[in-house]
């Protein structure tokens, strides 16, 4: 009579399976809670605050009126672009400063709410006739601008948001808030 043995898994096979499971779980955790992903809203809010303060100082030093223009990348896009321009010969021209000539891009994963003087700004695509395009915020050579705030929320983490507030005399700061 022959005895049939049931063969199980060897220790090596079990260790290899556990190793593969741990590696897959590690990759998933890194992709889900990436520090870069967590900092997207924070970086965008802080960059907005820095450039707004810089633009106000530049308006004072250059003795020129600067404007903050906001637009959607396309009419159906959620990407938002902020650009700075100044008045020259009664028309808005792009800033030629190294910092202000770069557009600030807020990706589609970020929800952006801009309020100026207590009124929510409806950010749309740039009009076809650019003469009709007006800034959402004017920065005066006297060091004044309209008070307002910008709220940046990451669509993947709506429990917290970044708020950038400024007064009529500038001083934009980014603050983390919890909902």
N, C-alpha and C. Protein backbone atom coordinates (compact mmCIF):
# COMPACT_ATOMS: atom_id res chain seq x y z
N UNK A 1 0.82 -1.16 0.00
CA UNK A 1 0.00 0.00 0.00
C UNK A 1 0.88 1.24 0.00
N UNK A 2 0.47 2.10 -0.78
CA UNK A 2 1.23 3.31 -0.96
C UNK A 2 0.58 4.46 -0.21
N UNK A 3 1.36 5.22 0.53
CA UNK A 3 0.83 6.34 1.30
C UNK A 3 1.01 7.61 0.47
N UNK A 4 -0.07 8.30 0.30
CA UNK A 4 -0.02 9.54 -0.48
C UNK A 4 0.28 10.71 0.45
N UNK A 5 1.28 11.47 0.10
CA UNK A 5 1.64 12.63 0.92
C UNK A 5 1.08 13.89 0.29
N UNK A 6 0.54 14.72 1.13
CA UNK A 6 0.09 16.03 0.66
C UNK A 6 1.23 17.00 0.85
N UNK A 7 1.66 17.51 -0.22
CA UNK A 7 2.79 18.42 -0.15
C UNK A 7 2.26 19.84 0.01
N UNK A 8 2.77 20.60 1.00
CA UNK A 8 2.37 21.99 1.25
C UNK A 8 3.37 22.94 0.62
N UNK A 9 3.28 24.18 1.02
CA UNK A 9 4.21 25.19 0.51
C UNK A 9 5.49 25.15 1.32
N UNK A 10 6.59 25.37 0.66
CA UNK A 10 7.86 25.41 1.38
C UNK A 10 8.03 26.79 2.01
N UNK A 11 8.94 26.88 2.93
CA UNK A 11 9.21 28.14 3.62
C UNK A 11 9.66 29.21 2.63
N UNK A 12 10.46 28.84 1.67
CA UNK A 12 10.94 29.79 0.65
C UNK A 12 9.77 30.35 -0.15
N UNK A 13 8.83 29.50 -0.55
CA UNK A 13 7.68 29.96 -1.33
C UNK A 13 6.83 30.94 -0.53
N UNK A 14 6.64 30.66 0.74
CA UNK A 14 5.86 31.56 1.60
C UNK A 14 6.56 32.90 1.75
N UNK A 15 7.87 32.88 1.97
CA UNK A 15 8.63 34.13 2.12
C UNK A 15 8.61 34.96 0.84
N UNK A 16 8.72 34.32 -0.30
CA UNK A 16 8.64 35.05 -1.58
C UNK A 16 7.27 35.69 -1.74
N UNK A 17 6.20 34.97 -1.41
CA UNK A 17 4.85 35.52 -1.52
C UNK A 17 4.67 36.71 -0.59
N UNK A 18 5.15 36.60 0.65
CA UNK A 18 5.05 37.71 1.60
C UNK A 18 5.84 38.92 1.10
N UNK A 19 7.03 38.68 0.57
CA UNK A 19 7.87 39.76 0.04
C UNK A 19 7.16 40.50 -1.10
N UNK A 20 6.56 39.76 -2.01
CA UNK A 20 5.84 40.37 -3.13
C UNK A 20 4.66 41.20 -2.63
N UNK A 21 3.92 40.69 -1.67
CA UNK A 21 2.77 41.42 -1.11
C UNK A 21 3.23 42.71 -0.44
N UNK A 22 4.31 42.64 0.33
CA UNK A 22 4.84 43.83 1.00
C UNK A 22 5.30 44.87 -0.02
N UNK A 23 5.97 44.43 -1.07
CA UNK A 23 6.45 45.37 -2.10
C UNK A 23 5.28 46.05 -2.80
N UNK A 24 4.26 45.30 -3.16
CA UNK A 24 3.08 45.88 -3.82
C UNK A 24 2.39 46.87 -2.88
N UNK A 25 2.24 46.52 -1.62
CA UNK A 25 1.61 47.43 -0.65
C UNK A 25 2.43 48.70 -0.49
N UNK A 26 3.75 48.60 -0.50
CA UNK A 26 4.61 49.79 -0.37
C UNK A 26 4.43 50.73 -1.54
N UNK A 27 4.40 50.18 -2.74
CA UNK A 27 4.23 51.01 -3.93
C UNK A 27 2.87 51.70 -3.91
N UNK A 28 1.83 50.98 -3.52
CA UNK A 28 0.49 51.56 -3.44
C UNK A 28 0.46 52.69 -2.41
N UNK A 29 1.06 52.49 -1.26
CA UNK A 29 1.08 53.53 -0.22
C UNK A 29 1.85 54.76 -0.68
N UNK A 30 2.94 54.57 -1.38
CA UNK A 30 3.71 55.71 -1.87
C UNK A 30 2.93 56.51 -2.89
N UNK A 31 2.17 55.84 -3.74
CA UNK A 31 1.39 56.55 -4.74
C UNK A 31 0.18 57.24 -4.15
N UNK A 32 -0.43 56.64 -3.14
CA UNK A 32 -1.62 57.23 -2.54
C UNK A 32 -1.27 58.43 -1.67
N UNK A 33 -0.24 58.32 -0.86
CA UNK A 33 0.09 59.41 0.05
C UNK A 33 1.48 59.97 -0.23
N UNK A 34 1.68 60.36 -1.46
CA UNK A 34 2.96 60.93 -1.84
C UNK A 34 3.12 62.32 -1.22
N UNK A 35 4.27 62.62 -0.63
CA UNK A 35 4.48 63.95 -0.07
C UNK A 35 4.35 65.05 -1.12
N UNK A 36 4.75 64.76 -2.34
CA UNK A 36 4.61 65.75 -3.41
C UNK A 36 3.14 66.05 -3.65
N UNK A 37 2.32 65.02 -3.66
CA UNK A 37 0.89 65.19 -3.88
C UNK A 37 0.27 65.98 -2.73
N UNK A 38 0.70 65.70 -1.49
CA UNK A 38 0.16 66.39 -0.33
C UNK A 38 0.52 67.87 -0.35
N UNK A 39 1.61 68.22 -0.95
CA UNK A 39 2.10 69.60 -0.92
C UNK A 39 1.65 70.42 -2.12
N UNK A 40 0.87 69.87 -3.01
CA UNK A 40 0.47 70.58 -4.22
C UNK A 40 -0.29 71.86 -3.88
N UNK A 41 -1.30 71.77 -3.03
CA UNK A 41 -2.08 72.95 -2.65
C UNK A 41 -1.24 73.93 -1.85
N UNK A 42 -0.42 73.42 -0.95
CA UNK A 42 0.43 74.28 -0.13
C UNK A 42 1.40 75.07 -1.00
N UNK A 43 2.07 74.40 -1.91
CA UNK A 43 3.04 75.07 -2.78
C UNK A 43 2.37 76.13 -3.65
N UNK A 44 1.19 75.81 -4.18
CA UNK A 44 0.48 76.76 -5.03
C UNK A 44 0.07 78.01 -4.24
N UNK A 45 -0.45 77.82 -3.03
CA UNK A 45 -0.88 78.95 -2.21
C UNK A 45 0.31 79.81 -1.80
N UNK A 46 1.40 79.19 -1.39
CA UNK A 46 2.57 79.95 -0.97
C UNK A 46 3.21 80.70 -2.14
N UNK A 47 3.24 80.09 -3.30
CA UNK A 47 3.78 80.76 -4.48
C UNK A 47 2.92 81.96 -4.86
N UNK A 48 1.60 81.81 -4.77
CA UNK A 48 0.70 82.93 -5.06
C UNK A 48 0.96 84.08 -4.09
N UNK A 49 1.08 83.78 -2.80
CA UNK A 49 1.33 84.83 -1.80
C UNK A 49 2.66 85.53 -2.05
N UNK A 50 3.70 84.77 -2.35
CA UNK A 50 5.02 85.37 -2.61
C UNK A 50 4.99 86.29 -3.82
N UNK A 51 4.39 85.83 -4.92
CA UNK A 51 4.40 86.65 -6.13
C UNK A 51 3.49 87.87 -5.98
N UNK A 52 2.40 87.75 -5.23
CA UNK A 52 1.53 88.91 -5.01
C UNK A 52 2.27 89.98 -4.22
N UNK A 53 2.96 89.58 -3.17
CA UNK A 53 3.76 90.55 -2.40
C UNK A 53 4.86 91.17 -3.25
N UNK A 54 5.50 90.35 -4.06
CA UNK A 54 6.57 90.84 -4.93
C UNK A 54 6.02 91.82 -5.96
N UNK A 55 4.86 91.51 -6.54
CA UNK A 55 4.26 92.38 -7.55
C UNK A 55 3.88 93.73 -6.95
N UNK A 56 3.39 93.74 -5.72
CA UNK A 56 3.05 95.01 -5.07
C UNK A 56 4.30 95.85 -4.85
N UNK A 57 5.38 95.22 -4.41
CA UNK A 57 6.65 95.94 -4.25
C UNK A 57 7.16 96.46 -5.59
N UNK A 58 7.02 95.66 -6.62
CA UNK A 58 7.47 96.07 -7.96
C UNK A 58 6.64 97.25 -8.47
N UNK A 59 5.34 97.25 -8.18
CA UNK A 59 4.49 98.38 -8.58
C UNK A 59 4.95 99.66 -7.90
N UNK A 60 5.34 99.56 -6.63
CA UNK A 60 5.85 100.74 -5.91
C UNK A 60 7.17 101.22 -6.49
N UNK A 61 8.11 100.30 -6.68
CA UNK A 61 9.44 100.68 -7.17
C UNK A 61 9.39 101.22 -8.59
N UNK A 62 8.59 100.62 -9.45
CA UNK A 62 8.51 101.04 -10.85
C UNK A 62 7.54 102.20 -11.05
N UNK A 63 6.81 102.56 -9.98
CA UNK A 63 5.80 103.62 -10.06
C UNK A 63 4.83 103.35 -11.21
N UNK A 64 4.31 102.12 -11.23
CA UNK A 64 3.40 101.70 -12.29
C UNK A 64 2.24 100.93 -11.69
N UNK A 65 1.13 100.92 -12.41
CA UNK A 65 -0.03 100.14 -12.00
C UNK A 65 0.12 98.74 -12.58
N UNK A 66 0.12 97.75 -11.70
CA UNK A 66 0.17 96.36 -12.12
C UNK A 66 -1.22 95.75 -11.96
N UNK A 67 -1.49 94.73 -12.76
CA UNK A 67 -2.76 94.03 -12.67
C UNK A 67 -2.54 92.53 -12.61
N UNK A 68 -3.35 91.87 -11.81
CA UNK A 68 -3.34 90.41 -11.74
C UNK A 68 -4.48 89.90 -12.62
N UNK A 69 -4.14 89.15 -13.64
CA UNK A 69 -5.12 88.60 -14.56
C UNK A 69 -5.31 87.12 -14.27
N UNK A 70 -6.55 86.67 -14.29
CA UNK A 70 -6.87 85.27 -14.02
C UNK A 70 -7.65 84.72 -15.20
N UNK A 71 -7.30 83.52 -15.62
CA UNK A 71 -8.00 82.90 -16.74
C UNK A 71 -7.95 81.39 -16.63
N UNK A 72 -8.93 80.76 -17.23
CA UNK A 72 -8.89 79.30 -17.38
C UNK A 72 -8.08 79.01 -18.64
N UNK A 73 -7.36 77.90 -18.64
CA UNK A 73 -6.53 77.55 -19.80
C UNK A 73 -7.38 77.45 -21.07
N UNK A 74 -8.54 76.82 -20.96
CA UNK A 74 -9.53 76.78 -22.04
C UNK A 74 -10.90 76.95 -21.40
N UNK A 75 -11.92 77.13 -22.22
CA UNK A 75 -13.25 77.39 -21.66
C UNK A 75 -13.79 76.22 -20.85
N UNK A 76 -13.39 74.99 -21.17
CA UNK A 76 -13.89 73.83 -20.43
C UNK A 76 -12.84 73.23 -19.50
N UNK A 77 -11.74 73.93 -19.30
CA UNK A 77 -10.65 73.42 -18.47
C UNK A 77 -10.81 73.88 -17.02
N UNK A 78 -10.22 73.11 -16.10
CA UNK A 78 -10.18 73.53 -14.70
C UNK A 78 -8.83 74.13 -14.34
N UNK A 79 -7.84 74.05 -15.25
CA UNK A 79 -6.54 74.67 -15.01
C UNK A 79 -6.71 76.19 -15.00
N UNK A 80 -6.08 76.84 -14.03
CA UNK A 80 -6.19 78.30 -13.91
C UNK A 80 -4.80 78.90 -14.02
N UNK A 81 -4.71 79.99 -14.78
CA UNK A 81 -3.45 80.71 -14.94
C UNK A 81 -3.60 82.11 -14.35
N UNK A 82 -2.61 82.52 -13.56
CA UNK A 82 -2.53 83.89 -13.06
C UNK A 82 -1.32 84.54 -13.70
N UNK A 83 -1.52 85.71 -14.30
CA UNK A 83 -0.42 86.45 -14.91
C UNK A 83 -0.46 87.90 -14.45
N UNK A 84 0.70 88.53 -14.46
CA UNK A 84 0.82 89.93 -14.08
C UNK A 84 1.15 90.76 -15.32
N UNK A 85 0.48 91.90 -15.42
CA UNK A 85 0.73 92.86 -16.49
C UNK A 85 0.78 94.25 -15.86
N UNK A 86 1.31 95.21 -16.59
CA UNK A 86 1.32 96.58 -16.11
C UNK A 86 0.85 97.50 -17.22
N UNK A 87 0.44 98.70 -16.84
CA UNK A 87 -0.08 99.65 -17.81
C UNK A 87 1.07 100.44 -18.43
N UNK A 88 1.08 100.44 -19.77
CA UNK A 88 2.05 101.24 -20.51
C UNK A 88 1.31 101.80 -21.72
N UNK A 89 1.35 103.11 -21.88
CA UNK A 89 0.64 103.78 -22.98
C UNK A 89 -0.84 103.40 -23.01
N UNK A 90 -1.46 103.41 -21.85
CA UNK A 90 -2.89 103.15 -21.68
C UNK A 90 -3.34 101.76 -22.13
N UNK A 91 -2.44 100.79 -22.08
CA UNK A 91 -2.85 99.41 -22.36
C UNK A 91 -2.02 98.47 -21.48
N UNK A 92 -2.58 97.28 -21.26
CA UNK A 92 -1.92 96.29 -20.41
C UNK A 92 -0.87 95.55 -21.23
N UNK A 93 0.35 95.50 -20.73
CA UNK A 93 1.43 94.75 -21.39
C UNK A 93 2.02 93.76 -20.39
N UNK A 94 2.56 92.69 -20.91
CA UNK A 94 3.14 91.66 -20.04
C UNK A 94 4.32 92.20 -19.25
N UNK A 95 4.41 91.77 -18.02
CA UNK A 95 5.52 92.18 -17.17
C UNK A 95 6.81 91.60 -17.73
N UNK A 96 7.86 92.42 -17.73
CA UNK A 96 9.14 91.95 -18.26
C UNK A 96 10.09 91.53 -17.15
N UNK A 97 9.60 91.50 -15.94
CA UNK A 97 10.37 91.06 -14.79
C UNK A 97 10.53 89.54 -14.83
N UNK A 98 11.66 89.04 -14.36
CA UNK A 98 11.92 87.59 -14.41
C UNK A 98 10.90 86.80 -13.60
N UNK A 99 10.47 87.32 -12.46
CA UNK A 99 9.51 86.61 -11.60
C UNK A 99 8.09 86.79 -12.12
N UNK A 100 7.72 88.02 -12.44
CA UNK A 100 6.33 88.30 -12.80
C UNK A 100 5.98 87.91 -14.23
N UNK A 101 6.97 87.66 -15.07
CA UNK A 101 6.66 87.27 -16.44
C UNK A 101 6.23 85.80 -16.53
N UNK A 102 6.46 85.04 -15.48
CA UNK A 102 6.07 83.63 -15.46
C UNK A 102 4.62 83.50 -14.96
N UNK A 103 3.79 82.79 -15.70
CA UNK A 103 2.41 82.57 -15.28
C UNK A 103 2.38 81.55 -14.14
N UNK A 104 1.50 81.80 -13.17
CA UNK A 104 1.27 80.82 -12.09
C UNK A 104 0.17 79.88 -12.56
N UNK A 105 0.45 78.59 -12.60
CA UNK A 105 -0.53 77.61 -13.05
C UNK A 105 -1.04 76.81 -11.86
N UNK A 106 -2.36 76.78 -11.74
CA UNK A 106 -3.02 75.95 -10.73
C UNK A 106 -3.65 74.78 -11.48
N UNK A 107 -3.18 73.57 -11.20
CA UNK A 107 -3.63 72.38 -11.92
C UNK A 107 -5.09 72.08 -11.65
N UNK A 108 -5.65 71.23 -12.50
CA UNK A 108 -7.06 70.86 -12.40
C UNK A 108 -7.40 70.15 -11.10
N UNK A 109 -6.40 69.53 -10.44
CA UNK A 109 -6.67 68.84 -9.17
C UNK A 109 -6.93 69.81 -8.04
N UNK A 110 -6.66 71.09 -8.27
CA UNK A 110 -6.85 72.09 -7.23
C UNK A 110 -8.12 72.90 -7.50
N UNK A 111 -8.89 73.07 -6.45
CA UNK A 111 -10.06 73.94 -6.54
C UNK A 111 -9.63 75.31 -6.03
N UNK A 112 -9.88 76.35 -6.83
CA UNK A 112 -9.42 77.70 -6.50
C UNK A 112 -10.63 78.62 -6.41
N UNK A 113 -10.76 79.31 -5.28
CA UNK A 113 -11.78 80.33 -5.10
C UNK A 113 -11.08 81.65 -4.81
N UNK A 114 -11.35 82.66 -5.64
CA UNK A 114 -10.74 83.97 -5.48
C UNK A 114 -11.82 84.97 -5.13
N UNK A 115 -11.61 85.69 -4.03
CA UNK A 115 -12.52 86.76 -3.61
C UNK A 115 -11.76 88.06 -3.59
N UNK A 116 -12.35 89.10 -4.17
CA UNK A 116 -11.77 90.44 -4.13
C UNK A 116 -12.85 91.37 -3.59
N UNK A 117 -12.51 92.08 -2.52
CA UNK A 117 -13.46 92.99 -1.85
C UNK A 117 -14.75 92.26 -1.48
N UNK A 118 -14.64 91.01 -1.05
CA UNK A 118 -15.79 90.24 -0.59
C UNK A 118 -16.63 89.62 -1.69
N UNK A 119 -16.25 89.80 -2.95
CA UNK A 119 -17.01 89.26 -4.07
C UNK A 119 -16.23 88.12 -4.71
N UNK A 120 -16.90 86.99 -4.90
CA UNK A 120 -16.28 85.83 -5.53
C UNK A 120 -16.07 86.13 -7.02
N UNK A 121 -14.86 85.91 -7.50
CA UNK A 121 -14.51 86.17 -8.89
C UNK A 121 -14.78 84.91 -9.71
N UNK A 122 -15.54 85.08 -10.80
CA UNK A 122 -15.81 83.97 -11.71
C UNK A 122 -14.69 83.95 -12.75
N UNK A 123 -13.80 82.97 -12.65
CA UNK A 123 -12.64 82.91 -13.54
C UNK A 123 -13.04 82.17 -14.81
N UNK A 124 -12.91 82.85 -15.94
CA UNK A 124 -13.30 82.30 -17.24
C UNK A 124 -12.09 82.26 -18.16
N UNK A 125 -12.30 81.70 -19.35
CA UNK A 125 -11.23 81.70 -20.36
C UNK A 125 -11.01 83.13 -20.85
N UNK A 126 -9.83 83.40 -21.36
CA UNK A 126 -9.49 84.73 -21.87
C UNK A 126 -10.43 85.09 -23.01
N UNK A 127 -10.99 86.31 -23.00
CA UNK A 127 -11.87 86.71 -24.10
C UNK A 127 -11.10 86.82 -25.41
N UNK A 128 -11.83 86.70 -26.51
CA UNK A 128 -11.21 86.79 -27.83
C UNK A 128 -10.60 88.17 -28.03
N UNK A 129 -11.35 89.19 -27.67
CA UNK A 129 -10.84 90.55 -27.77
C UNK A 129 -10.13 90.89 -26.46
N UNK A 130 -8.82 90.91 -26.50
CA UNK A 130 -8.04 91.09 -25.27
C UNK A 130 -8.18 92.49 -24.68
N UNK A 131 -8.68 93.45 -25.45
CA UNK A 131 -8.90 94.79 -24.89
C UNK A 131 -9.97 94.77 -23.81
N UNK A 132 -10.89 93.81 -23.90
CA UNK A 132 -11.95 93.69 -22.91
C UNK A 132 -11.50 92.93 -21.66
N UNK A 133 -10.35 92.34 -21.71
CA UNK A 133 -9.83 91.55 -20.59
C UNK A 133 -9.29 92.49 -19.53
N UNK A 134 -9.86 92.46 -18.36
CA UNK A 134 -9.46 93.35 -17.28
C UNK A 134 -8.88 92.54 -16.11
N UNK A 135 -8.00 93.15 -15.34
CA UNK A 135 -7.42 92.42 -14.20
C UNK A 135 -8.46 92.20 -13.10
N UNK A 136 -8.28 91.13 -12.36
CA UNK A 136 -9.15 90.86 -11.22
C UNK A 136 -8.68 91.65 -10.00
N UNK A 137 -7.44 92.13 -10.08
CA UNK A 137 -6.85 92.86 -8.95
C UNK A 137 -5.85 93.87 -9.51
N UNK A 138 -5.94 95.11 -9.02
CA UNK A 138 -4.98 96.15 -9.43
C UNK A 138 -4.06 96.45 -8.26
N UNK A 139 -2.78 96.57 -8.57
CA UNK A 139 -1.76 96.89 -7.58
C UNK A 139 -1.23 98.28 -7.91
N UNK A 140 -1.45 99.22 -7.02
CA UNK A 140 -1.15 100.62 -7.30
C UNK A 140 0.25 101.01 -6.85
N UNK A 141 0.83 102.04 -7.48
CA UNK A 141 2.17 102.48 -7.10
C UNK A 141 2.23 103.04 -5.68
N UNK A 142 1.09 103.37 -5.12
CA UNK A 142 1.05 103.87 -3.74
C UNK A 142 1.21 102.74 -2.72
N UNK A 143 1.26 101.49 -3.21
CA UNK A 143 1.38 100.34 -2.31
C UNK A 143 0.04 99.81 -1.85
N UNK A 144 -1.01 100.18 -2.55
CA UNK A 144 -2.35 99.72 -2.19
C UNK A 144 -2.90 98.78 -3.25
N UNK A 145 -3.83 97.96 -2.83
CA UNK A 145 -4.58 97.08 -3.74
C UNK A 145 -5.88 96.71 -3.04
N UNK A 146 -6.78 96.11 -3.78
CA UNK A 146 -8.04 95.67 -3.18
C UNK A 146 -7.78 94.50 -2.25
N UNK A 147 -8.45 94.50 -1.11
CA UNK A 147 -8.31 93.39 -0.16
C UNK A 147 -8.97 92.15 -0.75
N UNK A 148 -8.49 91.00 -0.36
CA UNK A 148 -9.10 89.78 -0.87
C UNK A 148 -8.50 88.54 -0.27
N UNK A 149 -8.91 87.41 -0.83
CA UNK A 149 -8.35 86.13 -0.39
C UNK A 149 -8.50 85.11 -1.50
N UNK A 150 -7.62 84.13 -1.43
CA UNK A 150 -7.61 83.02 -2.37
C UNK A 150 -7.65 81.75 -1.53
N UNK A 151 -8.55 80.85 -1.86
CA UNK A 151 -8.65 79.58 -1.14
C UNK A 151 -8.30 78.46 -2.12
N UNK A 152 -7.33 77.64 -1.74
CA UNK A 152 -6.85 76.55 -2.58
C UNK A 152 -7.11 75.23 -1.86
N UNK A 153 -7.87 74.36 -2.50
CA UNK A 153 -8.21 73.06 -1.93
C UNK A 153 -7.80 71.96 -2.90
N UNK A 154 -7.18 70.93 -2.38
CA UNK A 154 -6.83 69.76 -3.19
C UNK A 154 -8.09 68.89 -3.29
N UNK A 155 -8.49 68.54 -4.50
CA UNK A 155 -9.69 67.72 -4.69
C UNK A 155 -9.60 66.37 -3.99
N UNK A 156 -8.39 65.87 -3.77
CA UNK A 156 -8.23 64.56 -3.12
C UNK A 156 -8.25 64.65 -1.60
N UNK A 157 -8.15 65.85 -1.04
CA UNK A 157 -8.17 66.03 0.42
C UNK A 157 -8.93 67.31 0.74
N UNK A 158 -10.25 67.21 0.76
CA UNK A 158 -11.07 68.40 0.99
C UNK A 158 -11.24 68.73 2.46
N UNK A 159 -10.62 67.96 3.36
CA UNK A 159 -10.75 68.22 4.79
C UNK A 159 -9.91 69.42 5.22
N UNK A 160 -8.97 69.83 4.39
CA UNK A 160 -8.16 71.00 4.72
C UNK A 160 -7.92 71.81 3.45
N UNK A 161 -7.61 73.08 3.66
CA UNK A 161 -7.38 73.97 2.53
C UNK A 161 -6.37 75.04 2.93
N UNK A 162 -5.84 75.71 1.95
CA UNK A 162 -4.90 76.81 2.17
C UNK A 162 -5.59 78.11 1.82
N UNK A 163 -5.48 79.06 2.72
CA UNK A 163 -6.11 80.38 2.52
C UNK A 163 -5.01 81.43 2.45
N UNK A 164 -5.03 82.21 1.37
CA UNK A 164 -4.11 83.33 1.22
C UNK A 164 -4.95 84.60 1.37
N UNK A 165 -4.60 85.41 2.36
CA UNK A 165 -5.34 86.66 2.58
C UNK A 165 -4.40 87.84 2.46
N UNK A 166 -4.94 88.95 1.99
CA UNK A 166 -4.16 90.18 1.92
C UNK A 166 -5.09 91.36 2.19
N UNK A 167 -4.50 92.44 2.68
CA UNK A 167 -5.25 93.66 2.98
C UNK A 167 -5.01 94.66 1.86
N UNK A 168 -5.54 95.86 2.05
CA UNK A 168 -5.34 96.88 1.02
C UNK A 168 -3.88 97.32 0.94
N UNK A 169 -3.09 96.99 1.95
CA UNK A 169 -1.67 97.34 1.94
C UNK A 169 -0.78 96.13 1.68
N UNK A 170 -1.34 95.06 1.16
CA UNK A 170 -0.55 93.87 0.83
C UNK A 170 -0.47 92.90 1.98
N UNK A 171 0.71 92.35 2.19
CA UNK A 171 0.92 91.41 3.29
C UNK A 171 0.25 90.08 3.08
N UNK A 172 0.29 89.54 1.86
CA UNK A 172 -0.34 88.25 1.58
C UNK A 172 0.38 87.14 2.34
N UNK A 173 -0.40 86.33 3.05
CA UNK A 173 0.15 85.19 3.78
C UNK A 173 -0.70 83.96 3.51
N UNK A 174 -0.05 82.79 3.48
CA UNK A 174 -0.74 81.52 3.26
C UNK A 174 -0.90 80.80 4.60
N UNK A 175 -2.13 80.38 4.91
CA UNK A 175 -2.44 79.75 6.19
C UNK A 175 -3.19 78.45 5.93
N UNK A 176 -2.78 77.37 6.62
CA UNK A 176 -3.47 76.09 6.51
C UNK A 176 -4.71 76.11 7.40
N UNK A 177 -5.84 75.67 6.87
CA UNK A 177 -7.10 75.62 7.61
C UNK A 177 -7.67 74.21 7.56
N UNK A 178 -8.44 73.85 8.57
CA UNK A 178 -9.17 72.57 8.60
C UNK A 178 -10.65 72.86 8.43
N UNK A 179 -11.35 71.97 7.77
CA UNK A 179 -12.81 72.16 7.60
C UNK A 179 -13.53 71.54 8.76
